[in-house]
Amino acid sequence: MLTSFDSSGQVDHASLRALVDWYLAHGAAGLFALCLSSEPYQLGADERMEVLETVLDANAGRVPVVVGALGHTDRSELIEEIRLLGKCDVKGVVLHTGELIAPEAGDEQLIPVLEEICEATDDVPLGLYECPYPKRRYLGSASVDWVAQCDRIVYVKATSHDIRVIEDRCRRWRGSAIMHCQAYACNVLAALKVGLDGFSGIASNFYPALCAWICSNYETEPALAARVQEFLARHNDLTARHYPTSAKYYLNKHVNPRFAPITRYETSPLAEEDRIALDHLAVESRELLEVCLPK
C-alpha cells in the first residue's frame, strides 16, 4: 500500500480510506500496510499506528491485512511493536529480514533471532519481507527450511528475481499455511506456474486489476495471461523510476484527483517525458483491462 499525504505533507486519512476502497474494487485479495511503499521510515510512531487504524477501519474485514514492523534495529523495540501491532485486527506482523541481523552475518544466524522473536511475542502471526531498503537480505536455504517448519510464519514477501529460487521455495513450503507472494513483476507468470500464491509488487499501485487478473486467470486463459505478463515486464522500469512519486502522479491524474502526488521521500521530480510515458501507460493499461474484463 501507498500512504496518502495532503498538500502540507500530513497523512490524508480521507484519501487513504478512498485508496483502500480503490484497491479492493480492483481485485486486491489482501493489503500490506506500512510496507516500504507506505514510506514507514518517513512516518512517526504515532502516524504509523494512525495509518494502520485507518486502513483497518476502511477495510472493515473485507480482506486480510498484514502490517510491516519496519525500521527497528533494537530487538526489544521490535518485540514491543510486534506485541502492539498483534493486538490489532491483522493477519500478521511482517518483519524486515535485513534488519534482524548484521549484513555480514550468515543465514544460519537468522534462525535463533527468529526463534527469540517467536518466543517473546506469544502467538502473534508473523511474516517476513525481503525488503530492498536500507539493506536487503534474502532468505537462505537454512532459513527457508526453518520457515517451512514454523507454524507462526503466515506470510512471506519475496523479492528474488531468480525463478529457480522461487520454485525451490514453493516446493519446500507446499502444504504450509504460508502465503508466499512475489514483488517482481517481470516473471510473475512463471512464478505462478511453479506454485507462487500471489503478487505483491509496485505494479499493484498502478493497475491492481491486471495484477489480480493474472493471478486468478493464468491457468484458464494462458494466451491472454502471457499478454498481461509482457505488459507488466515491459513497463517495470517505468513504474519503478521515481517511485512512489510515479505511482502517486499516475493515481492523481488517471484514477482519482483526491490522491495527491505528495511523498515524503527525497526523490527527483518527474520530468516531462516521465509524465508523458505514465500518461501513455494509463491508456494502454485501460485498453488491456478491457480485453481481460470485457463489459
C-alpha atoms as a PDB file:
ATOM      1  CA  MET A   1       0.000   0.000   0.000  1.00  0.00           C
ATOM      2  CA  LEU A   2       0.882   3.630  -0.510  1.00  0.00           C
ATOM      3  CA  THR A   3       0.286   6.261   2.171  1.00  0.00           C
ATOM      4  CA  SER A   4      -1.711   9.332   1.163  1.00  0.00           C
ATOM      5  CA  PHE A   5      -0.448  12.789   2.111  1.00  0.00           C
ATOM      6  CA  ASP A   6      -2.112  16.170   1.691  1.00  0.00           C
ATOM      7  CA  SER A   7      -0.525  19.297   0.221  1.00  0.00           C
ATOM      8  CA  SER A   8       1.032  20.160   3.594  1.00  0.00           C
ATOM      9  CA  GLY A   9       2.685  16.738   3.827  1.00  0.00           C
ATOM     10  CA  GLN A  10       0.390  15.391   6.549  1.00  0.00           C
ATOM     11  CA  VAL A  11      -1.244  11.983   6.308  1.00  0.00           C
ATOM     12  CA  ASP A  12      -4.551  12.378   4.462  1.00  0.00           C
ATOM     13  CA  HIS A  13      -6.804   9.858   6.143  1.00  0.00           C
ATOM     14  CA  ALA A  14      -9.840  10.533   3.947  1.00  0.00           C
ATOM     15  CA  SER A  15      -7.740   9.870   0.856  1.00  0.00           C
ATOM     16  CA  LEU A  16      -6.266   6.771   2.498  1.00  0.00           C
ATOM     17  CA  ARG A  17      -9.756   5.394   3.006  1.00  0.00           C
ATOM     18  CA  ALA A  18     -10.550   6.021  -0.645  1.00  0.00           C
ATOM     19  CA  LEU A  19      -7.312   4.270  -1.577  1.00  0.00           C
ATOM     20  CA  VAL A  20      -8.335   1.158   0.367  1.00  0.00           C
ATOM     21  CA  ASP A  21     -11.674   1.133  -1.459  1.00  0.00           C
ATOM     22  CA  TRP A  22      -9.874   1.520  -4.809  1.00  0.00           C
ATOM     23  CA  TYR A  23      -7.558  -1.437  -4.147  1.00  0.00           C
ATOM     24  CA  LEU A  24     -10.458  -3.672  -3.178  1.00  0.00           C
ATOM     25  CA  ALA A  25     -12.707  -2.539  -6.029  1.00  0.00           C
ATOM     26  CA  HIS A  26      -9.924  -3.547  -8.409  1.00  0.00           C
ATOM     27  CA  GLY A  27      -9.414  -7.064  -7.158  1.00  0.00           C
ATOM     28  CA  ALA A  28      -6.891  -6.859  -4.313  1.00  0.00           C
ATOM     29  CA  ALA A  29      -7.169 -10.046  -2.246  1.00  0.00           C
ATOM     30  CA  GLY A  30      -5.230  -8.558   0.674  1.00  0.00           C
ATOM     31  CA  LEU A  31      -3.465  -5.409   1.843  1.00  0.00           C
ATOM     32  CA  PHE A  32       0.099  -4.864   3.086  1.00  0.00           C
ATOM     33  CA  ALA A  33       0.038  -1.727   5.240  1.00  0.00           C
ATOM     34  CA  LEU A  34       3.252   0.021   6.294  1.00  0.00           C
ATOM     35  CA  CYS A  35       5.366  -1.784   3.717  1.00  0.00           C
ATOM     36  CA  LEU A  36       8.209   0.090   2.003  1.00  0.00           C
ATOM     37  CA  SER A  37       5.800   1.746  -0.458  1.00  0.00           C
ATOM     38  CA  SER A  38       3.950   3.197   2.535  1.00  0.00           C
ATOM     39  CA  GLU A  39       7.004   5.327   3.456  1.00  0.00           C
ATOM     40  CA  PRO A  40       7.219   3.928   7.008  1.00  0.00           C
ATOM     41  CA  TYR A  41      10.697   5.368   7.543  1.00  0.00           C
ATOM     42  CA  GLN A  42       9.233   8.822   6.946  1.00  0.00           C
ATOM     43  CA  LEU A  43       6.379   8.327   9.439  1.00  0.00           C
ATOM     44  CA  GLY A  44       6.499   8.826  13.186  1.00  0.00           C
ATOM     45  CA  ALA A  45       5.390   6.068  15.562  1.00  0.00           C
ATOM     46  CA  ASP A  46       2.005   7.696  16.201  1.00  0.00           C
ATOM     47  CA  GLU A  47       1.488   8.290  12.492  1.00  0.00           C
ATOM     48  CA  ARG A  48       2.208   4.661  11.679  1.00  0.00           C
ATOM     49  CA  MET A  49      -0.390   3.469  14.163  1.00  0.00           C
ATOM     50  CA  GLU A  50      -2.922   6.015  12.875  1.00  0.00           C
ATOM     51  CA  VAL A  51      -2.330   4.851   9.292  1.00  0.00           C
ATOM     52  CA  LEU A  52      -2.913   1.245  10.305  1.00  0.00           C
ATOM     53  CA  GLU A  53      -6.083   2.143  12.220  1.00  0.00           C
ATOM     54  CA  THR A  54      -7.453   3.976   9.185  1.00  0.00           C
ATOM     55  CA  VAL A  55      -6.624   1.087   6.852  1.00  0.00           C
ATOM     56  CA  LEU A  56      -8.271  -1.450   9.148  1.00  0.00           C
ATOM     57  CA  ASP A  57     -11.354   0.685   9.661  1.00  0.00           C
ATOM     58  CA  ALA A  58     -11.744   1.320   5.918  1.00  0.00           C
ATOM     59  CA  ASN A  59     -11.153  -2.337   5.084  1.00  0.00           C
ATOM     60  CA  ALA A  60     -13.766  -3.412   7.645  1.00  0.00           C
ATOM     61  CA  GLY A  61     -12.661  -7.037   7.475  1.00  0.00           C
ATOM     62  CA  ARG A  62     -13.180  -7.386   3.726  1.00  0.00           C
ATOM     63  CA  VAL A  63      -9.718  -8.826   3.005  1.00  0.00           C
ATOM     64  CA  PRO A  64      -6.770  -9.930   5.168  1.00  0.00           C
ATOM     65  CA  VAL A  65      -4.346  -7.166   6.181  1.00  0.00           C
ATOM     66  CA  VAL A  66      -0.704  -7.649   7.111  1.00  0.00           C
ATOM     67  CA  VAL A  67       1.334  -4.821   8.584  1.00  0.00           C
ATOM     68  CA  GLY A  68       5.040  -4.088   8.491  1.00  0.00           C
ATOM     69  CA  ALA A  69       7.147  -3.595  11.612  1.00  0.00           C
ATOM     70  CA  LEU A  70       9.988  -1.864   9.782  1.00  0.00           C
ATOM     71  CA  GLY A  71      12.698   0.469  10.985  1.00  0.00           C
ATOM     72  CA  HIS A  72      13.765  -1.322  14.161  1.00  0.00           C
ATOM     73  CA  THR A  73      17.366  -2.302  14.802  1.00  0.00           C
ATOM     74  CA  ASP A  74      16.806  -2.577  18.556  1.00  0.00           C
ATOM     75  CA  ARG A  75      15.416  -6.054  19.257  1.00  0.00           C
ATOM     76  CA  SER A  76      13.443  -5.061  22.353  1.00  0.00           C
ATOM     77  CA  GLU A  77      11.749  -2.202  20.477  1.00  0.00           C
ATOM     78  CA  LEU A  78      10.847  -4.554  17.638  1.00  0.00           C
ATOM     79  CA  ILE A  79       9.343  -7.094  20.020  1.00  0.00           C
ATOM     80  CA  GLU A  80       7.332  -4.378  21.740  1.00  0.00           C
ATOM     81  CA  GLU A  81       5.956  -3.174  18.383  1.00  0.00           C
ATOM     82  CA  ILE A  82       5.080  -6.714  17.303  1.00  0.00           C
ATOM     83  CA  ARG A  83       3.088  -7.168  20.503  1.00  0.00           C
ATOM     84  CA  LEU A  84       1.326  -3.835  19.943  1.00  0.00           C
ATOM     85  CA  LEU A  85       0.500  -4.499  16.300  1.00  0.00           C
ATOM     86  CA  GLY A  86      -0.550  -8.049  17.109  1.00  0.00           C
ATOM     87  CA  LYS A  87      -3.427  -6.665  19.180  1.00  0.00           C
ATOM     88  CA  CYS A  88      -4.893  -5.127  16.024  1.00  0.00           C
ATOM     89  CA  ASP A  89      -7.090  -6.943  13.533  1.00  0.00           C
ATOM     90  CA  VAL A  90      -4.214  -8.045  11.303  1.00  0.00           C
ATOM     91  CA  LYS A  91      -3.418 -11.347   9.627  1.00  0.00           C
ATOM     92  CA  GLY A  92       0.247 -10.980  10.542  1.00  0.00           C
ATOM     93  CA  VAL A  93       3.058  -8.633  11.552  1.00  0.00           C
ATOM     94  CA  VAL A  94       5.777  -8.585   8.892  1.00  0.00           C
ATOM     95  CA  LEU A  95       9.479  -8.346   9.748  1.00  0.00           C
ATOM     96  CA  HIS A  96      12.245  -6.874   7.579  1.00  0.00           C
ATOM     97  CA  THR A  97      14.760  -9.695   7.112  1.00  0.00           C
ATOM     98  CA  GLY A  98      17.582  -7.195   6.540  1.00  0.00           C
ATOM     99  CA  GLU A  99      17.055  -5.546   9.914  1.00  0.00           C
ATOM    100  CA  LEU A 100      17.165  -8.680  12.069  1.00  0.00           C
ATOM    101  CA  ILE A 101      20.898  -9.422  11.909  1.00  0.00           C
ATOM    102  CA  ALA A 102      24.048  -7.704  10.674  1.00  0.00           C
ATOM    103  CA  PRO A 103      24.605  -7.626   6.890  1.00  0.00           C
ATOM    104  CA  GLU A 104      27.731  -9.760   7.173  1.00  0.00           C
ATOM    105  CA  ALA A 105      26.039 -12.446   9.319  1.00  0.00           C
ATOM    106  CA  GLY A 106      25.340 -15.840   7.778  1.00  0.00           C
ATOM    107  CA  ASP A 107      21.889 -17.207   7.054  1.00  0.00           C
ATOM    108  CA  GLU A 108      22.123 -19.691   9.925  1.00  0.00           C
ATOM    109  CA  GLN A 109      22.414 -16.753  12.360  1.00  0.00           C
ATOM    110  CA  LEU A 110      18.961 -15.545  11.362  1.00  0.00           C
ATOM    111  CA  ILE A 111      17.241 -18.616  12.810  1.00  0.00           C
ATOM    112  CA  PRO A 112      17.972 -18.055  16.543  1.00  0.00           C
ATOM    113  CA  VAL A 113      16.852 -14.438  16.166  1.00  0.00           C
ATOM    114  CA  LEU A 114      13.552 -15.553  14.641  1.00  0.00           C
ATOM    115  CA  GLU A 115      13.157 -18.144  17.396  1.00  0.00           C
ATOM    116  CA  GLU A 116      13.770 -15.461  20.037  1.00  0.00           C
ATOM    117  CA  ILE A 117      11.164 -13.188  18.460  1.00  0.00           C
ATOM    118  CA  CYS A 118       8.632 -16.004  18.270  1.00  0.00           C
ATOM    119  CA  GLU A 119       9.230 -16.878  21.919  1.00  0.00           C
ATOM    120  CA  ALA A 120       8.826 -13.258  23.030  1.00  0.00           C
ATOM    121  CA  THR A 121       5.680 -12.411  21.082  1.00  0.00           C
ATOM    122  CA  ASP A 122       3.274 -15.127  22.242  1.00  0.00           C
ATOM    123  CA  ASP A 123       1.084 -16.303  19.354  1.00  0.00           C
ATOM    124  CA  VAL A 124       1.207 -13.204  17.098  1.00  0.00           C
ATOM    125  CA  PRO A 125       1.276 -14.429  13.466  1.00  0.00           C
ATOM    126  CA  LEU A 126       4.398 -13.230  11.684  1.00  0.00           C
ATOM    127  CA  GLY A 127       5.563 -12.546   8.165  1.00  0.00           C
ATOM    128  CA  LEU A 128       8.935 -11.977   6.517  1.00  0.00           C
ATOM    129  CA  TYR A 129       9.804  -9.349   3.920  1.00  0.00           C
ATOM    130  CA  GLU A 130      12.985  -9.330   1.825  1.00  0.00           C
ATOM    131  CA  CYS A 131      12.777  -5.548   1.771  1.00  0.00           C
ATOM    132  CA  PRO A 132      15.301  -3.844  -0.549  1.00  0.00           C
ATOM    133  CA  TYR A 133      15.833  -0.816   1.715  1.00  0.00           C
ATOM    134  CA  PRO A 134      18.035   0.023   3.505  1.00  0.00           C
ATOM    135  CA  LYS A 135      19.699  -3.391   3.127  1.00  0.00           C
ATOM    136  CA  ARG A 136      18.136  -6.441   1.512  1.00  0.00           C
ATOM    137  CA  ARG A 137      18.624  -9.916   2.978  1.00  0.00           C
ATOM    138  CA  TYR A 138      17.400 -12.911   1.021  1.00  0.00           C
ATOM    139  CA  LEU A 139      16.339 -15.966   2.960  1.00  0.00           C
ATOM    140  CA  GLY A 140      18.933 -18.707   2.545  1.00  0.00           C
ATOM    141  CA  SER A 141      18.441 -22.453   2.445  1.00  0.00           C
ATOM    142  CA  ALA A 142      18.569 -22.929   6.223  1.00  0.00           C
ATOM    143  CA  SER A 143      16.077 -20.176   6.994  1.00  0.00           C
ATOM    144  CA  VAL A 144      13.741 -21.338   4.185  1.00  0.00           C
ATOM    145  CA  ASP A 145      13.632 -24.772   5.840  1.00  0.00           C
ATOM    146  CA  TRP A 146      13.071 -23.200   9.256  1.00  0.00           C
ATOM    147  CA  VAL A 147      10.168 -21.122   7.896  1.00  0.00           C
ATOM    148  CA  ALA A 148       8.602 -24.272   6.455  1.00  0.00           C
ATOM    149  CA  GLN A 149       8.563 -25.856   9.916  1.00  0.00           C
ATOM    150  CA  CYS A 150       7.420 -22.771  11.872  1.00  0.00           C
ATOM    151  CA  ASP A 151       3.655 -22.509  12.260  1.00  0.00           C
ATOM    152  CA  ARG A 152       3.952 -18.831  13.253  1.00  0.00           C
ATOM    153  CA  ILE A 153       5.022 -17.640   9.788  1.00  0.00           C
ATOM    154  CA  VAL A 154       1.933 -16.935   7.693  1.00  0.00           C
ATOM    155  CA  TYR A 155       3.242 -14.555   5.015  1.00  0.00           C
ATOM    156  CA  VAL A 156       6.424 -14.068   3.007  1.00  0.00           C
ATOM    157  CA  LYS A 157       7.003 -11.231   0.556  1.00  0.00           C
ATOM    158  CA  ALA A 158       9.927 -12.389  -1.550  1.00  0.00           C
ATOM    159  CA  THR A 159      11.930 -10.147  -3.859  1.00  0.00           C
ATOM    160  CA  SER A 160      14.239 -12.576  -5.667  1.00  0.00           C
ATOM    161  CA  HIS A 161      14.309 -12.280  -9.465  1.00  0.00           C
ATOM    162  CA  ASP A 162      15.513 -15.871  -9.860  1.00  0.00           C
ATOM    163  CA  ILE A 163      12.694 -18.208 -10.864  1.00  0.00           C
ATOM    164  CA  ARG A 164      14.759 -21.180  -9.642  1.00  0.00           C
ATOM    165  CA  VAL A 165      14.802 -19.698  -6.138  1.00  0.00           C
ATOM    166  CA  ILE A 166      11.070 -19.064  -6.270  1.00  0.00           C
ATOM    167  CA  GLU A 167      10.340 -22.598  -7.463  1.00  0.00           C
ATOM    168  CA  ASP A 168      12.509 -24.117  -4.725  1.00  0.00           C
ATOM    169  CA  ARG A 169      10.676 -22.141  -2.037  1.00  0.00           C
ATOM    170  CA  CYS A 170       7.292 -23.084  -3.477  1.00  0.00           C
ATOM    171  CA  ARG A 171       8.320 -26.738  -3.296  1.00  0.00           C
ATOM    172  CA  ARG A 172       9.580 -26.502   0.294  1.00  0.00           C
ATOM    173  CA  TRP A 173       6.582 -24.511   1.539  1.00  0.00           C
ATOM    174  CA  ARG A 174       3.929 -26.508  -0.294  1.00  0.00           C
ATOM    175  CA  GLY A 175       1.164 -27.575   2.062  1.00  0.00           C
ATOM    176  CA  SER A 176       2.052 -24.961   4.698  1.00  0.00           C
ATOM    177  CA  ALA A 177      -0.074 -22.024   5.844  1.00  0.00           C
ATOM    178  CA  ILE A 178       2.380 -19.547   4.300  1.00  0.00           C
ATOM    179  CA  MET A 179       1.027 -17.000   1.829  1.00  0.00           C
ATOM    180  CA  HIS A 180       4.032 -16.754  -0.484  1.00  0.00           C
ATOM    181  CA  CYS A 181       3.967 -13.586  -2.578  1.00  0.00           C
ATOM    182  CA  GLN A 182       6.476 -12.143  -5.017  1.00  0.00           C
ATOM    183  CA  ALA A 183       7.293  -8.480  -5.663  1.00  0.00           C
ATOM    184  CA  TYR A 184       8.997  -8.815  -9.067  1.00  0.00           C
ATOM    185  CA  ALA A 185       6.579  -8.197 -11.934  1.00  0.00           C
ATOM    186  CA  CYS A 186       8.794  -9.443 -14.773  1.00  0.00           C
ATOM    187  CA  ASN A 187       8.377 -13.139 -14.005  1.00  0.00           C
ATOM    188  CA  VAL A 188       5.123 -13.309 -12.082  1.00  0.00           C
ATOM    189  CA  LEU A 189       3.527 -15.637 -14.649  1.00  0.00           C
ATOM    190  CA  ALA A 190       6.393 -18.123 -14.458  1.00  0.00           C
ATOM    191  CA  ALA A 191       6.297 -17.883 -10.659  1.00  0.00           C
ATOM    192  CA  LEU A 192       2.569 -18.575 -10.524  1.00  0.00           C
ATOM    193  CA  LYS A 193       3.076 -21.638 -12.695  1.00  0.00           C
ATOM    194  CA  VAL A 194       5.543 -23.120 -10.186  1.00  0.00           C
ATOM    195  CA  GLY A 195       3.295 -22.518  -7.188  1.00  0.00           C
ATOM    196  CA  LEU A 196       3.506 -18.868  -6.117  1.00  0.00           C
ATOM    197  CA  ASP A 197       0.435 -17.786  -4.134  1.00  0.00           C
ATOM    198  CA  GLY A 198       0.208 -14.175  -5.233  1.00  0.00           C
ATOM    199  CA  PHE A 199       1.775 -10.929  -6.411  1.00  0.00           C
ATOM    200  CA  SER A 200       2.630  -8.038  -4.087  1.00  0.00           C
ATOM    201  CA  GLY A 201       4.648  -5.505  -6.049  1.00  0.00           C
ATOM    202  CA  ILE A 202       4.619  -1.860  -7.030  1.00  0.00           C
ATOM    203  CA  ALA A 203       2.612  -2.587 -10.190  1.00  0.00           C
ATOM    204  CA  SER A 204      -0.336  -3.093  -7.838  1.00  0.00           C
ATOM    205  CA  ASN A 205      -0.260   0.653  -7.190  1.00  0.00           C
ATOM    206  CA  PHE A 206      -0.818   1.376 -10.876  1.00  0.00           C
ATOM    207  CA  TYR A 207      -3.120  -1.361 -12.189  1.00  0.00           C
ATOM    208  CA  PRO A 208      -4.160  -3.741  -9.401  1.00  0.00           C
ATOM    209  CA  ALA A 209      -6.954  -5.184 -11.539  1.00  0.00           C
ATOM    210  CA  LEU A 210      -4.442  -6.519 -14.073  1.00  0.00           C
ATOM    211  CA  CYS A 211      -2.287  -7.963 -11.288  1.00  0.00           C
ATOM    212  CA  ALA A 212      -5.319  -9.622  -9.736  1.00  0.00           C
ATOM    213  CA  TRP A 213      -6.493 -10.891 -13.126  1.00  0.00           C
ATOM    214  CA  ILE A 214      -3.252 -12.694 -13.977  1.00  0.00           C
ATOM    215  CA  CYS A 215      -3.163 -14.353 -10.547  1.00  0.00           C
ATOM    216  CA  SER A 216      -6.712 -15.667 -10.967  1.00  0.00           C
ATOM    217  CA  ASN A 217      -6.765 -16.497 -14.678  1.00  0.00           C
ATOM    218  CA  TYR A 218      -3.288 -17.579 -15.755  1.00  0.00           C
ATOM    219  CA  GLU A 219      -4.334 -21.245 -15.971  1.00  0.00           C
ATOM    220  CA  THR A 220      -7.657 -20.811 -17.766  1.00  0.00           C
ATOM    221  CA  GLU A 221      -6.561 -18.082 -20.224  1.00  0.00           C
ATOM    222  CA  PRO A 222      -2.864 -18.733 -20.904  1.00  0.00           C
ATOM    223  CA  ALA A 223      -2.572 -16.665 -24.093  1.00  0.00           C
ATOM    224  CA  LEU A 224      -4.059 -13.569 -22.504  1.00  0.00           C
ATOM    225  CA  ALA A 225      -2.026 -14.167 -19.332  1.00  0.00           C
ATOM    226  CA  ALA A 226       1.116 -14.127 -21.475  1.00  0.00           C
ATOM    227  CA  ARG A 227      -0.001 -10.793 -22.919  1.00  0.00           C
ATOM    228  CA  VAL A 228      -0.534  -9.350 -19.438  1.00  0.00           C
ATOM    229  CA  GLN A 229       2.895 -10.647 -18.370  1.00  0.00           C
ATOM    230  CA  GLU A 230       4.530  -8.972 -21.373  1.00  0.00           C
ATOM    231  CA  PHE A 231       2.828  -5.706 -20.422  1.00  0.00           C
ATOM    232  CA  LEU A 232       3.957  -5.937 -16.784  1.00  0.00           C
ATOM    233  CA  ALA A 233       7.543  -6.706 -17.765  1.00  0.00           C
ATOM    234  CA  ARG A 234       7.761  -4.032 -20.457  1.00  0.00           C
ATOM    235  CA  HIS A 235       6.664  -1.295 -18.060  1.00  0.00           C
ATOM    236  CA  ASN A 236       8.509  -2.491 -14.956  1.00  0.00           C
ATOM    237  CA  ASP A 237      11.321   0.054 -15.281  1.00  0.00           C
ATOM    238  CA  LEU A 238       8.915   2.926 -15.917  1.00  0.00           C
ATOM    239  CA  THR A 239       6.821   2.227 -12.816  1.00  0.00           C
ATOM    240  CA  ALA A 240       9.952   1.848 -10.663  1.00  0.00           C
ATOM    241  CA  ARG A 241      11.512   5.108 -11.867  1.00  0.00           C
ATOM    242  CA  HIS A 242      10.916   7.933  -9.337  1.00  0.00           C
ATOM    243  CA  TYR A 243       8.690   5.584  -7.309  1.00  0.00           C
ATOM    244  CA  PRO A 244       6.497   6.242  -5.323  1.00  0.00           C
ATOM    245  CA  THR A 245       6.165   9.705  -6.919  1.00  0.00           C
ATOM    246  CA  SER A 246       5.410   7.978 -10.234  1.00  0.00           C
ATOM    247  CA  ALA A 247       2.553   5.964  -8.713  1.00  0.00           C
ATOM    248  CA  LYS A 248       1.077   8.976  -6.962  1.00  0.00           C
ATOM    249  CA  TYR A 249       1.202  11.057 -10.147  1.00  0.00           C
ATOM    250  CA  TYR A 250      -0.498   8.206 -12.023  1.00  0.00           C
ATOM    251  CA  LEU A 251      -3.241   7.834  -9.414  1.00  0.00           C
ATOM    252  CA  ASN A 252      -3.811  11.572  -9.106  1.00  0.00           C
ATOM    253  CA  LYS A 253      -4.219  12.127 -12.839  1.00  0.00           C
ATOM    254  CA  HIS A 254      -5.789   8.901 -14.032  1.00  0.00           C
ATOM    255  CA  VAL A 255      -7.658   7.385 -11.088  1.00  0.00           C
ATOM    256  CA  ASN A 256      -8.793   9.951  -8.528  1.00  0.00           C
ATOM    257  CA  PRO A 257      -7.653  13.584  -8.085  1.00  0.00           C
ATOM    258  CA  ARG A 258      -8.103  13.068  -4.347  1.00  0.00           C
ATOM    259  CA  PHE A 259      -4.856  11.058  -4.375  1.00  0.00           C
ATOM    260  CA  ALA A 260      -2.396  13.948  -4.146  1.00  0.00           C
ATOM    261  CA  PRO A 261       1.032  13.333  -5.770  1.00  0.00           C
ATOM    262  CA  ILE A 262       2.788  14.068  -2.467  1.00  0.00           C
ATOM    263  CA  THR A 263       5.582  11.963  -0.981  1.00  0.00           C
ATOM    264  CA  ARG A 264       7.981  12.395   1.930  1.00  0.00           C
ATOM    265  CA  TYR A 265      10.724  10.546   0.087  1.00  0.00           C
ATOM    266  CA  GLU A 266      13.518  12.707  -1.259  1.00  0.00           C
ATOM    267  CA  THR A 267      13.123  11.848  -4.933  1.00  0.00           C
ATOM    268  CA  SER A 268      13.847  13.896  -8.024  1.00  0.00           C
ATOM    269  CA  PRO A 269      10.737  15.389  -9.640  1.00  0.00           C
ATOM    270  CA  LEU A 270       9.166  13.721 -12.628  1.00  0.00           C
ATOM    271  CA  ALA A 271      10.493  15.034 -15.927  1.00  0.00           C
ATOM    272  CA  GLU A 272       8.050  15.895 -18.704  1.00  0.00           C
ATOM    273  CA  GLU A 273       8.985  12.726 -20.587  1.00  0.00           C
ATOM    274  CA  ASP A 274       8.211  10.675 -17.461  1.00  0.00           C
ATOM    275  CA  ARG A 275       4.755  12.209 -17.177  1.00  0.00           C
ATOM    276  CA  ILE A 276       4.048  11.582 -20.848  1.00  0.00           C
ATOM    277  CA  ALA A 277       5.164   7.963 -20.533  1.00  0.00           C
ATOM    278  CA  LEU A 278       2.942   7.450 -17.462  1.00  0.00           C
ATOM    279  CA  ASP A 279       0.004   9.017 -19.313  1.00  0.00           C
ATOM    280  CA  HIS A 280       0.520   6.582 -22.185  1.00  0.00           C
ATOM    281  CA  LEU A 281       0.793   3.758 -19.651  1.00  0.00           C
ATOM    282  CA  ALA A 282      -2.629   4.637 -18.243  1.00  0.00           C
ATOM    283  CA  VAL A 283      -4.202   4.427 -21.690  1.00  0.00           C
ATOM    284  CA  GLU A 284      -2.537   1.112 -22.515  1.00  0.00           C
ATOM    285  CA  SER A 285      -3.431  -0.432 -19.154  1.00  0.00           C
ATOM    286  CA  ARG A 286      -7.099   0.520 -19.575  1.00  0.00           C
ATOM    287  CA  GLU A 287      -7.175  -0.975 -23.061  1.00  0.00           C
ATOM    288  CA  LEU A 288      -5.639  -4.226 -21.831  1.00  0.00           C
ATOM    289  CA  LEU A 289      -8.003  -4.395 -18.871  1.00  0.00           C
ATOM    290  CA  GLU A 290     -10.961  -4.033 -21.240  1.00  0.00           C
ATOM    291  CA  VAL A 291      -9.694  -7.135 -23.074  1.00  0.00           C
ATOM    292  CA  CYS A 292      -9.295  -9.056 -19.810  1.00  0.00           C
ATOM    293  CA  LEU A 293     -12.588  -7.908 -18.309  1.00  0.00           C
ATOM    294  CA  PRO A 294     -14.916  -7.025 -21.199  1.00  0.00           C
ATOM    295  CA  LYS A 295     -18.049  -5.187 -20.182  1.00  0.00           C
END
